[in-house]
Amino acid sequence: MIRGMLLHIVLALAAIAAAYAAWQAPGTTHTAAERLVCDVTPSELRAVRWQEEKFIVEVTRGDGGYEVTVTPREAKEGAVSPATQRYPGSDRVEALWQGLAPLWAARSLGMLEDPKLGELGLAKPTSELRLTLAGRDVVLGIGGATFGSGDLYARTTDGEVVLLRAASVRDLRYGATSLIDRRLIASPRVDIHRVVLSVGERGRELLQRHADKEETAFFADPAEPDAKLERAGAWMARLWRLRGEERVAQPPPGTPSATIELWTTSERRDVIRLWPANGPEALGTSERFADGVTLSKSTVDALLRDIEQVLQEGR
């Protein structure tokens, strides 16, 4: 009996050790078929560039976080080059970075002859993945995709053909929309204690109460901090949902129709400025879009119309 109990204990400890090892190092084990294409750590990776038929996408990392640059390619020879757009990176960029550094291929197909390269779309690749490291670049030509999984055939500069998992580069493709953070306001609502609204010479200050819990947070006048202002709360929620569409080359002209300052308990965190639509889109600026960005015309028109109710509510 004792021997049987000891055996069960040993097996249990072995299972715990295996589970702990798997938890400690998720994703670090690789099969014998996999091929290490680029042995680099996330901290050593400086930039990622993806070029395809319609877009060039570059992701860079700096002290302020990630930036995503998207350049639509010319539709035909002689066409005017479309404008490059730069955006803050979304939460998905970090996962992309970790998935590319180090870069593993599902398997290697070795050195292939020209006819086979043509079959795989690698004779003259129309897409390219470039990893920029300190002092060197790692470049892979990208060919066709496998049936079913969508994994991509790729060719290194020394001619080796490998199979890249589709998931490793999925977010870079088709304009990298999932990597772009279009939020006009970067600060979480939980960080904001005070809001100052200005419309021309008029203005109002609002306090956000119980901001640490979304279900209990509300806005109030400093003179009556326990009186919930319903319209002000709904207006601020719409403001936080604003998303930038296209960055503009220079700040909007003239005086903004509304200015909204966001304060923590000790510092000004952001300043939002809104201009009404002079055409199909409205314009706005914020800390992260200092030069201006186009916004939904209908949403901005509604915010500028309803701000009058916010200025008067409870007074």
Protein backbone atom coordinates (compact mmCIF):
# COMPACT_ATOMS: atom_id res chain seq x y z
CA MET A 1 0.00 0.00 0.00
CA ILE A 2 2.78 2.40 0.96
CA ARG A 3 4.63 1.57 -2.24
CA GLY A 4 1.46 2.29 -4.24
CA MET A 5 0.97 5.61 -2.46
CA LEU A 6 4.58 6.59 -3.18
CA LEU A 7 4.09 5.75 -6.83
CA HIS A 8 1.01 7.97 -7.01
CA ILE A 9 2.91 10.80 -5.32
CA VAL A 10 5.82 10.50 -7.74
CA LEU A 11 3.48 10.52 -10.74
CA ALA A 12 1.59 13.51 -9.36
CA LEU A 13 4.81 15.44 -8.78
CA ALA A 14 5.96 14.64 -12.30
CA ALA A 15 2.68 15.91 -13.74
CA ILE A 16 2.93 19.10 -11.69
CA ALA A 17 6.52 19.65 -12.84
CA ALA A 18 5.54 19.18 -16.48
CA ALA A 19 2.61 21.56 -16.15
CA TYR A 20 4.82 24.13 -14.43
CA ALA A 21 7.44 23.91 -17.15
CA ALA A 22 4.80 24.41 -19.83
CA TRP A 23 3.38 27.38 -17.96
CA GLN A 24 6.80 28.93 -17.43
CA ALA A 25 7.76 28.90 -21.08
CA PRO A 26 4.70 28.98 -23.32
CA GLY A 27 5.43 28.75 -27.00
CA THR A 28 9.16 28.09 -26.56
CA THR A 29 9.10 24.44 -27.63
CA HIS A 30 9.41 23.67 -31.32
CA THR A 31 9.09 20.54 -33.40
CA ALA A 32 11.98 18.99 -35.27
CA ALA A 33 10.44 20.10 -38.58
CA GLU A 34 10.44 23.80 -37.67
CA ARG A 35 13.14 26.10 -38.99
CA LEU A 36 14.62 29.11 -37.17
CA VAL A 37 14.70 31.86 -39.79
CA CYS A 38 15.77 34.83 -37.66
CA ASP A 39 17.23 34.40 -34.19
CA VAL A 40 16.42 37.76 -32.61
CA THR A 41 14.79 38.88 -29.36
CA PRO A 42 11.87 41.33 -29.30
CA SER A 43 14.11 44.01 -27.77
CA GLU A 44 16.58 43.67 -30.68
CA LEU A 45 13.92 44.07 -33.35
CA ARG A 46 13.81 47.70 -34.54
CA ALA A 47 11.21 47.67 -37.32
CA VAL A 48 9.00 45.38 -39.39
CA ARG A 49 8.14 46.18 -43.01
CA TRP A 50 5.53 44.34 -45.06
CA GLN A 51 5.11 45.07 -48.74
CA GLU A 52 2.27 43.65 -50.81
CA GLU A 53 0.44 44.50 -54.00
CA LYS A 54 -1.73 47.29 -52.55
CA PHE A 55 -0.01 48.38 -49.33
CA ILE A 56 3.34 48.97 -47.70
CA VAL A 57 3.12 48.63 -43.92
CA GLU A 58 5.93 49.52 -41.54
CA VAL A 59 5.80 49.05 -37.77
CA THR A 60 8.44 50.75 -35.64
CA ARG A 61 9.00 50.86 -31.91
CA GLY A 62 10.21 53.94 -30.06
CA ASP A 63 10.24 55.34 -26.55
CA GLY A 64 6.60 56.39 -26.91
CA GLY A 65 5.41 52.97 -28.06
CA TYR A 66 4.66 51.52 -31.48
CA GLU A 67 3.86 53.46 -34.64
CA VAL A 68 2.25 51.98 -37.74
CA THR A 69 2.85 53.58 -41.14
CA VAL A 70 0.59 52.58 -44.03
CA THR A 71 1.27 53.65 -47.61
CA PRO A 72 -1.20 52.60 -50.32
CA ARG A 73 0.78 51.68 -53.42
CA GLU A 74 0.16 53.32 -56.79
CA ALA A 75 -2.69 51.70 -58.64
CA LYS A 76 -0.89 52.03 -61.98
CA GLU A 77 2.28 53.42 -63.43
CA GLY A 78 2.28 57.21 -63.52
CA ALA A 79 -0.50 57.58 -60.94
CA VAL A 80 -0.10 60.11 -58.15
CA SER A 81 1.41 58.41 -55.11
CA PRO A 82 -1.17 58.14 -52.30
CA ALA A 83 -0.42 59.79 -48.98
CA THR A 84 1.34 57.87 -46.24
CA GLN A 85 -0.66 57.57 -43.03
CA ARG A 86 0.90 57.17 -39.57
CA TYR A 87 -1.03 55.89 -36.58
CA PRO A 88 -0.33 54.76 -33.03
CA GLY A 89 -0.08 51.01 -32.73
CA SER A 90 -2.94 49.01 -31.22
CA ASP A 91 -2.66 46.40 -28.47
CA ARG A 92 -2.14 43.73 -31.14
CA VAL A 93 1.27 45.09 -32.15
CA GLU A 94 2.99 43.57 -29.12
CA ALA A 95 1.72 40.11 -30.05
CA LEU A 96 2.96 40.62 -33.61
CA TRP A 97 6.39 41.66 -32.28
CA GLN A 98 6.65 38.61 -30.04
CA GLY A 99 5.60 36.33 -32.89
CA LEU A 100 8.33 37.61 -35.22
CA ALA A 101 11.22 37.70 -32.75
CA PRO A 102 12.50 35.08 -33.04
CA LEU A 103 10.98 34.16 -36.39
CA TRP A 104 10.26 30.45 -36.84
CA ALA A 105 9.00 28.80 -40.02
CA ALA A 106 6.73 25.76 -39.87
CA ARG A 107 9.26 23.87 -41.97
CA SER A 108 11.97 24.22 -44.60
CA LEU A 109 11.54 23.08 -48.19
CA GLY A 110 15.22 23.57 -48.93
CA MET A 111 16.68 24.95 -52.16
CA LEU A 112 14.24 24.61 -55.06
CA GLU A 113 14.66 24.87 -58.83
CA ASP A 114 13.14 27.70 -60.89
CA PRO A 115 10.08 25.78 -62.17
CA LYS A 116 9.06 24.91 -58.62
CA LEU A 117 9.72 28.46 -57.44
CA GLY A 118 7.31 29.68 -60.11
CA GLU A 119 4.62 27.28 -58.90
CA LEU A 120 4.96 28.63 -55.36
CA GLY A 121 4.89 32.29 -56.44
CA LEU A 122 8.53 32.80 -55.51
CA ALA A 123 10.11 33.34 -58.92
CA LYS A 124 9.11 37.03 -58.77
CA PRO A 125 7.51 37.58 -55.34
CA THR A 126 4.98 40.41 -55.16
CA SER A 127 5.18 40.58 -51.37
CA GLU A 128 8.09 40.98 -48.97
CA LEU A 129 8.72 40.78 -45.22
CA ARG A 130 11.67 42.76 -43.86
CA LEU A 131 12.87 42.64 -40.26
CA THR A 132 15.23 45.46 -39.29
CA LEU A 133 17.75 44.60 -36.59
CA ALA A 134 20.75 46.52 -35.30
CA GLY A 135 23.03 46.85 -38.29
CA ARG A 136 21.29 44.45 -40.67
CA ASP A 137 18.02 43.50 -42.34
CA VAL A 138 16.49 40.06 -42.76
CA VAL A 139 14.41 39.93 -45.94
CA LEU A 140 12.04 37.23 -47.16
CA GLY A 141 10.24 37.17 -50.48
CA ILE A 142 6.65 36.03 -49.99
CA GLY A 143 4.90 33.76 -52.46
CA GLY A 144 1.60 31.91 -52.53
CA ALA A 145 -0.38 30.33 -49.72
CA THR A 146 -1.09 26.72 -48.88
CA PHE A 147 -4.60 25.38 -49.27
CA GLY A 148 -6.55 25.24 -46.01
CA SER A 149 -4.21 26.77 -43.43
CA GLY A 150 -3.15 29.70 -45.62
CA ASP A 151 0.49 29.38 -44.57
CA LEU A 152 2.82 31.31 -46.86
CA TYR A 153 5.74 30.15 -48.94
CA ALA A 154 8.75 32.41 -48.37
CA ARG A 155 12.29 32.56 -49.72
CA THR A 156 15.30 33.84 -47.80
CA THR A 157 18.10 35.88 -49.38
CA ASP A 158 20.29 32.78 -49.57
CA GLY A 159 17.63 30.94 -51.59
CA GLU A 160 16.13 28.64 -48.97
CA VAL A 161 12.36 28.18 -49.20
CA VAL A 162 10.41 27.99 -45.95
CA LEU A 163 6.78 27.84 -44.95
CA LEU A 164 5.68 30.74 -42.73
CA ARG A 165 2.63 30.30 -40.54
CA ALA A 166 -0.15 32.63 -41.65
CA ALA A 167 -0.75 33.76 -38.06
CA SER A 168 2.74 35.24 -37.75
CA VAL A 169 2.09 37.93 -40.39
CA ARG A 170 -1.72 38.01 -40.60
CA ASP A 171 -2.09 41.41 -38.94
CA LEU A 172 0.40 43.01 -41.34
CA ARG A 173 -1.62 42.18 -44.42
CA TYR A 174 -4.33 44.17 -46.23
CA GLY A 175 -3.36 47.54 -44.78
CA ALA A 176 -2.77 46.33 -41.21
CA THR A 177 -6.13 47.63 -39.99
CA SER A 178 -5.98 45.55 -36.80
CA LEU A 179 -2.62 47.09 -35.85
CA ILE A 180 -3.90 50.67 -36.01
CA ASP A 181 -5.24 52.41 -32.91
CA ARG A 182 -7.65 55.07 -34.16
CA ARG A 183 -8.91 56.25 -30.78
CA LEU A 184 -8.89 60.04 -30.63
CA ILE A 185 -8.32 59.89 -26.86
CA ALA A 186 -5.56 57.62 -25.63
CA SER A 187 -6.12 58.14 -21.90
CA PRO A 188 -8.38 55.60 -20.17
CA ARG A 189 -11.44 57.19 -18.59
CA VAL A 190 -10.42 55.78 -15.23
CA ASP A 191 -7.43 58.18 -15.19
CA ILE A 192 -9.48 61.33 -15.69
CA HIS A 193 -10.62 63.30 -12.66
CA ARG A 194 -11.64 66.64 -14.16
CA VAL A 195 -12.91 67.90 -17.53
CA VAL A 196 -12.95 71.52 -18.70
CA LEU A 197 -15.28 72.37 -21.62
CA SER A 198 -14.88 75.58 -23.64
CA VAL A 199 -17.18 76.90 -26.37
CA GLY A 200 -16.11 80.38 -27.38
CA GLU A 201 -16.11 82.52 -24.24
CA ARG A 202 -18.31 80.09 -22.33
CA GLY A 203 -17.15 77.10 -20.40
CA ARG A 204 -17.85 74.57 -17.70
CA GLU A 205 -15.91 72.28 -15.40
CA LEU A 206 -17.00 68.72 -14.67
CA LEU A 207 -15.75 66.23 -12.11
CA GLN A 208 -15.72 62.51 -12.77
CA ARG A 209 -16.82 60.76 -9.59
CA HIS A 210 -16.03 57.13 -8.68
CA ALA A 211 -13.99 56.77 -11.87
CA ASP A 212 -12.34 53.56 -10.65
CA LYS A 213 -15.53 51.58 -11.45
CA GLU A 214 -17.20 52.05 -14.83
CA GLU A 215 -20.60 50.96 -13.55
CA THR A 216 -20.65 53.60 -10.80
CA ALA A 217 -18.71 56.45 -12.45
CA PHE A 218 -20.58 59.65 -13.29
CA PHE A 219 -19.95 63.33 -14.00
CA ALA A 220 -20.99 66.12 -11.67
CA ASP A 221 -20.60 69.85 -11.17
CA PRO A 222 -17.88 70.77 -8.61
CA ALA A 223 -20.49 72.76 -6.67
CA GLU A 224 -22.68 69.63 -6.33
CA PRO A 225 -20.30 66.68 -6.53
CA ASP A 226 -22.92 64.10 -5.55
CA ALA A 227 -25.52 65.16 -8.15
CA LYS A 228 -25.21 63.02 -11.28
CA LEU A 229 -25.37 64.87 -14.60
CA GLU A 230 -26.93 62.39 -17.02
CA ARG A 231 -26.51 64.38 -20.22
CA ALA A 232 -22.91 65.22 -19.42
CA GLY A 233 -22.13 61.55 -18.82
CA ALA A 234 -23.71 60.45 -22.09
CA TRP A 235 -21.92 63.24 -23.98
CA MET A 236 -18.53 62.29 -22.54
CA ALA A 237 -19.12 58.63 -23.42
CA ARG A 238 -19.70 59.62 -27.07
CA LEU A 239 -16.58 61.78 -27.04
CA TRP A 240 -14.48 58.83 -25.81
CA ARG A 241 -15.76 56.66 -28.65
CA LEU A 242 -14.48 59.04 -31.35
CA ARG A 243 -12.15 57.38 -33.85
CA GLY A 244 -9.81 59.08 -36.26
CA GLU A 245 -10.13 58.16 -39.91
CA GLU A 246 -7.44 59.92 -41.99
CA ARG A 247 -4.58 62.03 -40.64
CA VAL A 248 -4.29 65.47 -42.23
CA ALA A 249 -1.13 67.23 -43.35
CA GLN A 250 -1.58 70.32 -41.18
CA PRO A 251 -3.74 71.50 -38.25
CA PRO A 252 -7.27 72.64 -39.13
CA PRO A 253 -7.52 76.40 -39.77
CA GLY A 254 -9.41 78.82 -37.56
CA THR A 255 -10.76 78.51 -34.04
CA PRO A 256 -12.22 75.17 -32.95
CA SER A 257 -15.91 75.04 -32.09
CA ALA A 258 -15.22 73.20 -28.83
CA THR A 259 -12.18 72.51 -26.67
CA ILE A 260 -12.14 69.77 -24.03
CA GLU A 261 -9.32 69.52 -21.51
CA LEU A 262 -8.84 66.24 -19.67
CA TRP A 263 -7.13 66.39 -16.28
CA THR A 264 -5.94 63.82 -13.80
CA THR A 265 -5.82 64.88 -10.16
CA SER A 266 -2.53 66.69 -10.80
CA GLU A 267 -1.88 67.27 -14.52
CA ARG A 268 -3.50 67.98 -17.84
CA ARG A 269 -3.49 64.71 -19.77
CA ASP A 270 -5.05 65.69 -23.10
CA VAL A 271 -6.69 68.52 -25.03
CA ILE A 272 -9.38 67.66 -27.58
CA ARG A 273 -10.37 70.25 -30.19
CA LEU A 274 -13.30 69.79 -32.56
CA TRP A 275 -14.12 71.60 -35.79
CA PRO A 276 -17.46 71.21 -37.60
CA ALA A 277 -17.51 69.57 -41.00
CA ASN A 278 -16.58 71.78 -43.94
CA GLY A 279 -17.30 69.05 -46.41
CA PRO A 280 -17.89 65.32 -45.97
CA GLU A 281 -15.82 64.99 -42.76
CA ALA A 282 -15.23 66.85 -39.52
CA LEU A 283 -11.79 67.55 -38.07
CA GLY A 284 -10.24 67.20 -34.64
CA THR A 285 -6.95 67.21 -32.77
CA SER A 286 -5.73 65.53 -29.61
CA GLU A 287 -2.48 64.65 -27.90
CA ARG A 288 -1.90 61.67 -30.19
CA PHE A 289 -3.21 63.41 -33.35
CA ALA A 290 -1.66 66.82 -32.85
CA ASP A 291 -1.67 67.71 -36.57
CA GLY A 292 -5.29 66.78 -36.98
CA VAL A 293 -7.40 63.86 -38.09
CA THR A 294 -10.68 63.50 -39.94
CA LEU A 295 -13.67 62.38 -37.87
CA SER A 296 -17.21 61.20 -38.48
CA LYS A 297 -19.26 64.20 -39.60
CA SER A 298 -22.49 62.97 -38.03
CA THR A 299 -20.86 62.21 -34.66
CA VAL A 300 -19.02 65.53 -34.39
CA ASP A 301 -22.11 67.48 -35.53
CA ALA A 302 -24.12 65.77 -32.79
CA LEU A 303 -21.47 66.46 -30.15
CA LEU A 304 -21.28 70.15 -31.07
CA ARG A 305 -25.07 70.44 -31.11
CA ASP A 306 -25.57 68.69 -27.77
CA ILE A 307 -22.76 70.45 -25.92
CA GLU A 308 -25.18 73.31 -25.25
CA GLN A 309 -27.24 70.97 -23.07
CA VAL A 310 -24.10 69.90 -21.21
CA LEU A 311 -23.17 73.53 -20.50
CA GLN A 312 -26.65 74.20 -19.05
CA GLU A 313 -27.47 70.91 -17.29
CA GLY A 314 -28.20 71.27 -13.56
CA ARG A 315 -27.84 75.06 -13.57
